[in-house]
Amino acid sequence: MRRSIIPPLIFGIVGTAILLGLGFWQLGRLEWKETMLAEIQAGIDAEPQPLPAEADPSMKYMPVLIRGETTGEEILVLSGTKERGGGYNVISGFVTDDGRRILVDRGFVDQDQRHDPRPPAALTIRGNLHWPQEKGSATPEPDLAAGIWFARDVPAMAEMLDTEPLLVVAAAAEGDVQGVQPIPISIDGVPNSHLSYAVQWFLFAATCAGMTAWFIWRISRRTY
């Protein structure tokens, strides 16, 4: 073996091994993420419980059952669905049977229903506690004149509707739903790109191995 091929050979073997290791690490992360998502979905679909007296973000996705009446006050958050296109999520003030004032994301209405009257209505709602993280540095401030918000900001919405900073996202509702379509919480939007990352690392490893083989072949064919 020519000494001149030893450095590129070592470099290629080490580089390929590192890239393969990163690919297998991403496969491990994929398995972990899939397990975590399955646990979250199982929690979302669990038997609903009464609304806890003290709730905090550690209870995110907790299934609950509430009964009471909407206040007739609401916030419309710009939204959309694949089936119905653009529209709004209706966030209503809600007074439970035991007198607590909370927020309820009742679901979706399309553009034509934006101005429909939605007076106080008695509802029984099965849903999940949620603390969405939708407001970023680029998110516009609510257009209060038009009554349109661009993200579900629980503390700000609670202040606007004079409720606890507590949001229940409806999965199903019984009573006068007033044309609002519940949109249950889902893990569909949770990113899980570990498989594509693993494929990329394996492709890099194959490229590294191929380039190393080609480089060594070129060296071996040199004539002096």
C-alpha atoms as a PDB file:
ATOM      1  CA  MET A   1       0.000   0.000   0.000  1.00  0.00           C
ATOM      2  CA  ARG A   2       1.376   3.359  -0.983  1.00  0.00           C
ATOM      3  CA  ARG A   3       1.917   5.662   1.953  1.00  0.00           C
ATOM      4  CA  SER A   4       0.283   8.483   0.009  1.00  0.00           C
ATOM      5  CA  ILE A   5      -3.135   6.862   0.261  1.00  0.00           C
ATOM      6  CA  ILE A   6      -3.022   6.357   4.049  1.00  0.00           C
ATOM      7  CA  PRO A   7      -4.028   9.942   5.069  1.00  0.00           C
ATOM      8  CA  PRO A   8      -7.058  10.158   2.705  1.00  0.00           C
ATOM      9  CA  LEU A   9      -8.039   6.595   3.626  1.00  0.00           C
ATOM     10  CA  ILE A  10      -8.010   7.384   7.353  1.00  0.00           C
ATOM     11  CA  PHE A  11      -9.833  10.667   6.762  1.00  0.00           C
ATOM     12  CA  GLY A  12     -12.459   8.910   4.640  1.00  0.00           C
ATOM     13  CA  ILE A  13     -13.023   6.081   7.122  1.00  0.00           C
ATOM     14  CA  VAL A  14     -13.310   8.451  10.084  1.00  0.00           C
ATOM     15  CA  GLY A  15     -15.558  10.880   8.185  1.00  0.00           C
ATOM     16  CA  THR A  16     -17.831   8.117   6.939  1.00  0.00           C
ATOM     17  CA  ALA A  17     -18.068   6.591  10.422  1.00  0.00           C
ATOM     18  CA  ILE A  18     -19.011   9.946  11.954  1.00  0.00           C
ATOM     19  CA  LEU A  19     -21.684  10.574   9.309  1.00  0.00           C
ATOM     20  CA  LEU A  20     -23.104   7.055   9.751  1.00  0.00           C
ATOM     21  CA  GLY A  21     -23.157   7.620  13.513  1.00  0.00           C
ATOM     22  CA  LEU A  22     -25.161  10.808  13.044  1.00  0.00           C
ATOM     23  CA  GLY A  23     -27.611   8.943  10.812  1.00  0.00           C
ATOM     24  CA  PHE A  24     -28.167   6.192  13.383  1.00  0.00           C
ATOM     25  CA  TRP A  25     -28.492   8.840  16.108  1.00  0.00           C
ATOM     26  CA  GLN A  26     -31.297  10.468  14.128  1.00  0.00           C
ATOM     27  CA  LEU A  27     -33.010   7.074  13.808  1.00  0.00           C
ATOM     28  CA  GLY A  28     -32.878   6.814  17.597  1.00  0.00           C
ATOM     29  CA  ARG A  29     -34.365  10.303  17.871  1.00  0.00           C
ATOM     30  CA  LEU A  30     -37.099   9.242  15.435  1.00  0.00           C
ATOM     31  CA  GLU A  31     -38.081   6.325  17.667  1.00  0.00           C
ATOM     32  CA  TRP A  32     -38.072   8.617  20.725  1.00  0.00           C
ATOM     33  CA  LYS A  33     -40.208  11.248  18.942  1.00  0.00           C
ATOM     34  CA  GLU A  34     -42.736   8.691  17.721  1.00  0.00           C
ATOM     35  CA  THR A  35     -43.067   7.291  21.243  1.00  0.00           C
ATOM     36  CA  MET A  36     -43.522  10.785  22.664  1.00  0.00           C
ATOM     37  CA  LEU A  37     -46.167  11.673  20.070  1.00  0.00           C
ATOM     38  CA  ALA A  38     -48.039   8.446  20.750  1.00  0.00           C
ATOM     39  CA  GLU A  39     -48.073   9.273  24.465  1.00  0.00           C
ATOM     40  CA  ILE A  40     -49.342  12.802  23.754  1.00  0.00           C
ATOM     41  CA  GLN A  41     -52.111  11.460  21.510  1.00  0.00           C
ATOM     42  CA  ALA A  42     -53.099   8.921  24.158  1.00  0.00           C
ATOM     43  CA  GLY A  43     -53.328  11.768  26.682  1.00  0.00           C
ATOM     44  CA  ILE A  44     -55.446  13.860  24.299  1.00  0.00           C
ATOM     45  CA  ASP A  45     -57.845  10.954  23.738  1.00  0.00           C
ATOM     46  CA  ALA A  46     -58.098   9.944  27.416  1.00  0.00           C
ATOM     47  CA  GLU A  47     -61.300  10.106  29.446  1.00  0.00           C
ATOM     48  CA  PRO A  48     -62.169  13.772  30.112  1.00  0.00           C
ATOM     49  CA  GLN A  49     -61.909  15.070  33.669  1.00  0.00           C
ATOM     50  CA  PRO A  50     -63.584  17.969  35.466  1.00  0.00           C
ATOM     51  CA  LEU A  51     -61.858  21.297  35.030  1.00  0.00           C
ATOM     52  CA  PRO A  52     -59.003  21.416  37.583  1.00  0.00           C
ATOM     53  CA  ALA A  53     -59.227  24.086  40.275  1.00  0.00           C
ATOM     54  CA  GLU A  54     -55.652  25.158  39.542  1.00  0.00           C
ATOM     55  CA  ALA A  55     -54.364  24.718  36.007  1.00  0.00           C
ATOM     56  CA  ASP A  56     -50.958  25.461  34.536  1.00  0.00           C
ATOM     57  CA  PRO A  57     -49.060  24.679  31.296  1.00  0.00           C
ATOM     58  CA  SER A  58     -47.828  21.371  32.707  1.00  0.00           C
ATOM     59  CA  MET A  59     -51.415  20.179  32.140  1.00  0.00           C
ATOM     60  CA  LYS A  60     -51.270  20.954  28.422  1.00  0.00           C
ATOM     61  CA  TYR A  61     -53.586  18.662  26.394  1.00  0.00           C
ATOM     62  CA  MET A  62     -55.379  17.409  29.531  1.00  0.00           C
ATOM     63  CA  PRO A  63     -58.877  16.279  28.435  1.00  0.00           C
ATOM     64  CA  VAL A  64     -61.708  18.021  30.290  1.00  0.00           C
ATOM     65  CA  LEU A  65     -65.501  18.168  30.295  1.00  0.00           C
ATOM     66  CA  ILE A  66     -67.153  21.513  31.000  1.00  0.00           C
ATOM     67  CA  ARG A  67     -70.751  22.701  31.153  1.00  0.00           C
ATOM     68  CA  GLY A  68     -71.966  26.249  31.155  1.00  0.00           C
ATOM     69  CA  GLU A  69     -72.804  29.149  28.878  1.00  0.00           C
ATOM     70  CA  THR A  70     -70.926  31.371  26.487  1.00  0.00           C
ATOM     71  CA  THR A  71     -70.956  35.049  27.362  1.00  0.00           C
ATOM     72  CA  GLY A  72     -71.690  36.304  23.859  1.00  0.00           C
ATOM     73  CA  GLU A  73     -68.285  38.016  23.825  1.00  0.00           C
ATOM     74  CA  GLU A  74     -65.740  36.534  21.468  1.00  0.00           C
ATOM     75  CA  ILE A  75     -62.432  36.959  19.678  1.00  0.00           C
ATOM     76  CA  LEU A  76     -61.925  35.869  16.074  1.00  0.00           C
ATOM     77  CA  VAL A  77     -58.461  34.492  15.296  1.00  0.00           C
ATOM     78  CA  LEU A  78     -57.459  34.295  11.639  1.00  0.00           C
ATOM     79  CA  SER A  79     -57.326  30.630  10.686  1.00  0.00           C
ATOM     80  CA  GLY A  80     -58.189  28.146   7.955  1.00  0.00           C
ATOM     81  CA  THR A  81     -58.854  24.509   7.151  1.00  0.00           C
ATOM     82  CA  LYS A  82     -58.028  22.354   4.128  1.00  0.00           C
ATOM     83  CA  GLU A  83     -61.715  21.588   3.606  1.00  0.00           C
ATOM     84  CA  ARG A  84     -63.203  25.082   3.982  1.00  0.00           C
ATOM     85  CA  GLY A  85     -60.325  27.439   3.267  1.00  0.00           C
ATOM     86  CA  GLY A  86     -59.771  30.670   5.153  1.00  0.00           C
ATOM     87  CA  GLY A  87     -61.803  31.698   8.143  1.00  0.00           C
ATOM     88  CA  TYR A  88     -61.566  32.210  11.878  1.00  0.00           C
ATOM     89  CA  ASN A  89     -61.312  30.364  15.161  1.00  0.00           C
ATOM     90  CA  VAL A  90     -64.001  31.550  17.549  1.00  0.00           C
ATOM     91  CA  ILE A  91     -62.630  32.150  21.048  1.00  0.00           C
ATOM     92  CA  SER A  92     -65.546  32.723  23.408  1.00  0.00           C
ATOM     93  CA  GLY A  93     -65.810  33.807  26.971  1.00  0.00           C
ATOM     94  CA  PHE A  94     -67.438  30.951  28.880  1.00  0.00           C
ATOM     95  CA  VAL A  95     -69.001  30.783  32.349  1.00  0.00           C
ATOM     96  CA  THR A  96     -69.003  27.283  33.807  1.00  0.00           C
ATOM     97  CA  ASP A  97     -71.857  25.939  35.903  1.00  0.00           C
ATOM     98  CA  ASP A  98     -69.781  26.627  39.032  1.00  0.00           C
ATOM     99  CA  GLY A  99     -69.205  30.254  38.040  1.00  0.00           C
ATOM    100  CA  ARG A 100     -65.684  30.243  36.586  1.00  0.00           C
ATOM    101  CA  ARG A 101     -64.993  32.495  33.612  1.00  0.00           C
ATOM    102  CA  ILE A 102     -62.638  30.847  31.127  1.00  0.00           C
ATOM    103  CA  LEU A 103     -61.799  30.906  27.423  1.00  0.00           C
ATOM    104  CA  VAL A 104     -63.125  28.315  24.992  1.00  0.00           C
ATOM    105  CA  ASP A 105     -61.836  27.820  21.455  1.00  0.00           C
ATOM    106  CA  ARG A 106     -65.139  26.657  20.032  1.00  0.00           C
ATOM    107  CA  GLY A 107     -63.724  25.924  16.581  1.00  0.00           C
ATOM    108  CA  PHE A 108     -63.937  27.257  13.044  1.00  0.00           C
ATOM    109  CA  VAL A 109     -66.247  29.515  11.064  1.00  0.00           C
ATOM    110  CA  ASP A 110     -65.634  30.547   7.466  1.00  0.00           C
ATOM    111  CA  GLN A 111     -65.474  34.073   6.095  1.00  0.00           C
ATOM    112  CA  ASP A 112     -69.208  34.273   5.418  1.00  0.00           C
ATOM    113  CA  GLN A 113     -70.029  33.476   9.057  1.00  0.00           C
ATOM    114  CA  ARG A 114     -67.774  36.112  10.546  1.00  0.00           C
ATOM    115  CA  HIS A 115     -70.565  38.563  11.308  1.00  0.00           C
ATOM    116  CA  ASP A 116     -73.215  35.984  12.259  1.00  0.00           C
ATOM    117  CA  PRO A 117     -74.752  36.694  15.674  1.00  0.00           C
ATOM    118  CA  ARG A 118     -73.557  34.337  18.397  1.00  0.00           C
ATOM    119  CA  PRO A 119     -75.445  35.343  21.544  1.00  0.00           C
ATOM    120  CA  PRO A 120     -74.993  33.534  24.885  1.00  0.00           C
ATOM    121  CA  ALA A 121     -75.633  29.807  24.478  1.00  0.00           C
ATOM    122  CA  ALA A 122     -75.661  26.855  26.852  1.00  0.00           C
ATOM    123  CA  LEU A 123     -73.079  24.252  25.872  1.00  0.00           C
ATOM    124  CA  THR A 124     -71.522  21.043  27.104  1.00  0.00           C
ATOM    125  CA  ILE A 125     -67.988  20.844  25.782  1.00  0.00           C
ATOM    126  CA  ARG A 126     -65.476  18.024  25.703  1.00  0.00           C
ATOM    127  CA  GLY A 127     -62.038  19.347  24.928  1.00  0.00           C
ATOM    128  CA  ASN A 128     -58.454  19.826  26.037  1.00  0.00           C
ATOM    129  CA  LEU A 129     -56.537  22.406  28.002  1.00  0.00           C
ATOM    130  CA  HIS A 130     -54.110  24.271  25.781  1.00  0.00           C
ATOM    131  CA  TRP A 131     -51.448  26.950  25.996  1.00  0.00           C
ATOM    132  CA  PRO A 132     -50.586  27.535  22.311  1.00  0.00           C
ATOM    133  CA  GLN A 133     -47.290  29.218  21.483  1.00  0.00           C
ATOM    134  CA  GLU A 134     -48.370  30.983  18.304  1.00  0.00           C
ATOM    135  CA  LYS A 135     -47.335  34.587  18.856  1.00  0.00           C
ATOM    136  CA  GLY A 136     -43.852  35.390  17.563  1.00  0.00           C
ATOM    137  CA  SER A 137     -41.845  38.517  16.924  1.00  0.00           C
ATOM    138  CA  ALA A 138     -43.316  38.790  13.413  1.00  0.00           C
ATOM    139  CA  THR A 139     -46.939  38.274  14.488  1.00  0.00           C
ATOM    140  CA  PRO A 140     -49.016  41.424  13.929  1.00  0.00           C
ATOM    141  CA  GLU A 141     -50.840  42.959  16.859  1.00  0.00           C
ATOM    142  CA  PRO A 142     -54.598  42.317  16.938  1.00  0.00           C
ATOM    143  CA  ASP A 143     -56.706  44.541  14.710  1.00  0.00           C
ATOM    144  CA  LEU A 144     -59.152  45.567  17.409  1.00  0.00           C
ATOM    145  CA  ALA A 145     -61.110  47.832  15.075  1.00  0.00           C
ATOM    146  CA  ALA A 146     -61.828  44.907  12.755  1.00  0.00           C
ATOM    147  CA  GLY A 147     -62.040  42.436  15.634  1.00  0.00           C
ATOM    148  CA  ILE A 148     -59.381  40.147  14.178  1.00  0.00           C
ATOM    149  CA  TRP A 149     -56.466  38.517  15.995  1.00  0.00           C
ATOM    150  CA  PHE A 150     -53.554  36.745  14.331  1.00  0.00           C
ATOM    151  CA  ALA A 151     -52.556  34.308  17.095  1.00  0.00           C
ATOM    152  CA  ARG A 152     -54.077  32.716  20.163  1.00  0.00           C
ATOM    153  CA  ASP A 153     -52.402  34.653  22.960  1.00  0.00           C
ATOM    154  CA  VAL A 154     -54.048  33.260  26.093  1.00  0.00           C
ATOM    155  CA  PRO A 155     -53.079  36.002  28.600  1.00  0.00           C
ATOM    156  CA  ALA A 156     -54.044  38.801  26.200  1.00  0.00           C
ATOM    157  CA  MET A 157     -57.313  37.124  25.220  1.00  0.00           C
ATOM    158  CA  ALA A 158     -58.160  36.517  28.869  1.00  0.00           C
ATOM    159  CA  GLU A 159     -57.595  40.178  29.641  1.00  0.00           C
ATOM    160  CA  MET A 160     -59.756  41.220  26.695  1.00  0.00           C
ATOM    161  CA  LEU A 161     -62.673  38.955  27.666  1.00  0.00           C
ATOM    162  CA  ASP A 162     -62.197  39.273  31.452  1.00  0.00           C
ATOM    163  CA  THR A 163     -61.594  35.557  32.110  1.00  0.00           C
ATOM    164  CA  GLU A 164     -59.030  33.321  33.757  1.00  0.00           C
ATOM    165  CA  PRO A 165     -55.965  32.791  31.528  1.00  0.00           C
ATOM    166  CA  LEU A 166     -57.240  29.295  30.813  1.00  0.00           C
ATOM    167  CA  LEU A 167     -58.147  27.980  27.347  1.00  0.00           C
ATOM    168  CA  VAL A 168     -60.147  24.865  26.510  1.00  0.00           C
ATOM    169  CA  VAL A 169     -60.045  23.779  22.870  1.00  0.00           C
ATOM    170  CA  ALA A 170     -63.315  22.066  22.023  1.00  0.00           C
ATOM    171  CA  ALA A 171     -63.201  18.597  20.508  1.00  0.00           C
ATOM    172  CA  ALA A 172     -66.988  18.217  20.574  1.00  0.00           C
ATOM    173  CA  ALA A 173     -69.870  20.378  21.728  1.00  0.00           C
ATOM    174  CA  GLU A 174     -73.503  19.718  22.608  1.00  0.00           C
ATOM    175  CA  GLY A 175     -76.126  22.446  22.560  1.00  0.00           C
ATOM    176  CA  ASP A 176     -76.558  25.482  20.343  1.00  0.00           C
ATOM    177  CA  VAL A 177     -73.213  25.382  18.525  1.00  0.00           C
ATOM    178  CA  GLN A 178     -74.286  28.296  16.283  1.00  0.00           C
ATOM    179  CA  GLY A 179     -72.576  26.882  13.206  1.00  0.00           C
ATOM    180  CA  VAL A 180     -69.125  26.696  14.811  1.00  0.00           C
ATOM    181  CA  GLN A 181     -67.202  23.561  13.829  1.00  0.00           C
ATOM    182  CA  PRO A 182     -64.970  22.169  16.613  1.00  0.00           C
ATOM    183  CA  ILE A 183     -61.376  21.503  15.593  1.00  0.00           C
ATOM    184  CA  PRO A 184     -59.904  19.001  18.084  1.00  0.00           C
ATOM    185  CA  ILE A 185     -56.301  19.311  19.140  1.00  0.00           C
ATOM    186  CA  SER A 186     -54.108  17.056  17.016  1.00  0.00           C
ATOM    187  CA  ILE A 187     -50.452  16.072  16.864  1.00  0.00           C
ATOM    188  CA  ASP A 188     -50.533  16.334  13.048  1.00  0.00           C
ATOM    189  CA  GLY A 189     -48.840  19.707  13.129  1.00  0.00           C
ATOM    190  CA  VAL A 190     -46.031  18.642  15.461  1.00  0.00           C
ATOM    191  CA  PRO A 191     -42.809  18.518  13.399  1.00  0.00           C
ATOM    192  CA  ASN A 192     -41.034  15.182  13.156  1.00  0.00           C
ATOM    193  CA  SER A 193     -38.206  15.435  10.619  1.00  0.00           C
ATOM    194  CA  HIS A 194     -35.802  12.916  12.126  1.00  0.00           C
ATOM    195  CA  LEU A 195     -36.260  10.364   9.321  1.00  0.00           C
ATOM    196  CA  SER A 196     -35.375  12.925   6.638  1.00  0.00           C
ATOM    197  CA  TYR A 197     -32.382  14.031   8.711  1.00  0.00           C
ATOM    198  CA  ALA A 198     -31.232  10.403   9.006  1.00  0.00           C
ATOM    199  CA  VAL A 199     -31.510   9.904   5.243  1.00  0.00           C
ATOM    200  CA  GLN A 200     -29.464  13.050   4.670  1.00  0.00           C
ATOM    201  CA  TRP A 201     -26.660  11.874   6.984  1.00  0.00           C
ATOM    202  CA  PHE A 202     -26.595   8.454   5.322  1.00  0.00           C
ATOM    203  CA  LEU A 203     -26.379  10.113   1.894  1.00  0.00           C
ATOM    204  CA  PHE A 204     -23.503  12.269   3.148  1.00  0.00           C
ATOM    205  CA  ALA A 205     -21.808   9.109   4.437  1.00  0.00           C
ATOM    206  CA  ALA A 206     -22.237   7.385   1.073  1.00  0.00           C
ATOM    207  CA  THR A 207     -20.860  10.460  -0.691  1.00  0.00           C
ATOM    208  CA  CYS A 208     -17.876  10.593   1.659  1.00  0.00           C
ATOM    209  CA  ALA A 209     -17.147   6.897   1.134  1.00  0.00           C
ATOM    210  CA  GLY A 210     -17.486   7.251  -2.657  1.00  0.00           C
ATOM    211  CA  MET A 211     -15.249  10.316  -2.824  1.00  0.00           C
ATOM    212  CA  THR A 212     -12.636   8.582  -0.673  1.00  0.00           C
ATOM    213  CA  ALA A 213     -12.652   5.522  -2.936  1.00  0.00           C
ATOM    214  CA  TRP A 214     -12.391   7.726  -6.038  1.00  0.00           C
ATOM    215  CA  PHE A 215      -9.531   9.756  -4.553  1.00  0.00           C
ATOM    216  CA  ILE A 216      -7.576   6.634  -3.573  1.00  0.00           C
ATOM    217  CA  TRP A 217      -8.156   5.163  -7.050  1.00  0.00           C
ATOM    218  CA  ARG A 218      -6.753   8.337  -8.633  1.00  0.00           C
ATOM    219  CA  ILE A 219      -3.676   8.197  -6.372  1.00  0.00           C
ATOM    220  CA  SER A 220      -3.088   4.521  -7.149  1.00  0.00           C
ATOM    221  CA  ARG A 221      -3.085   5.215 -10.892  1.00  0.00           C
ATOM    222  CA  ARG A 222      -0.454   7.910 -10.758  1.00  0.00           C
ATOM    223  CA  THR A 223       2.744   7.130 -12.509  1.00  0.00           C
ATOM    224  CA  TYR A 224       6.037   8.620 -11.556  1.00  0.00           C
END
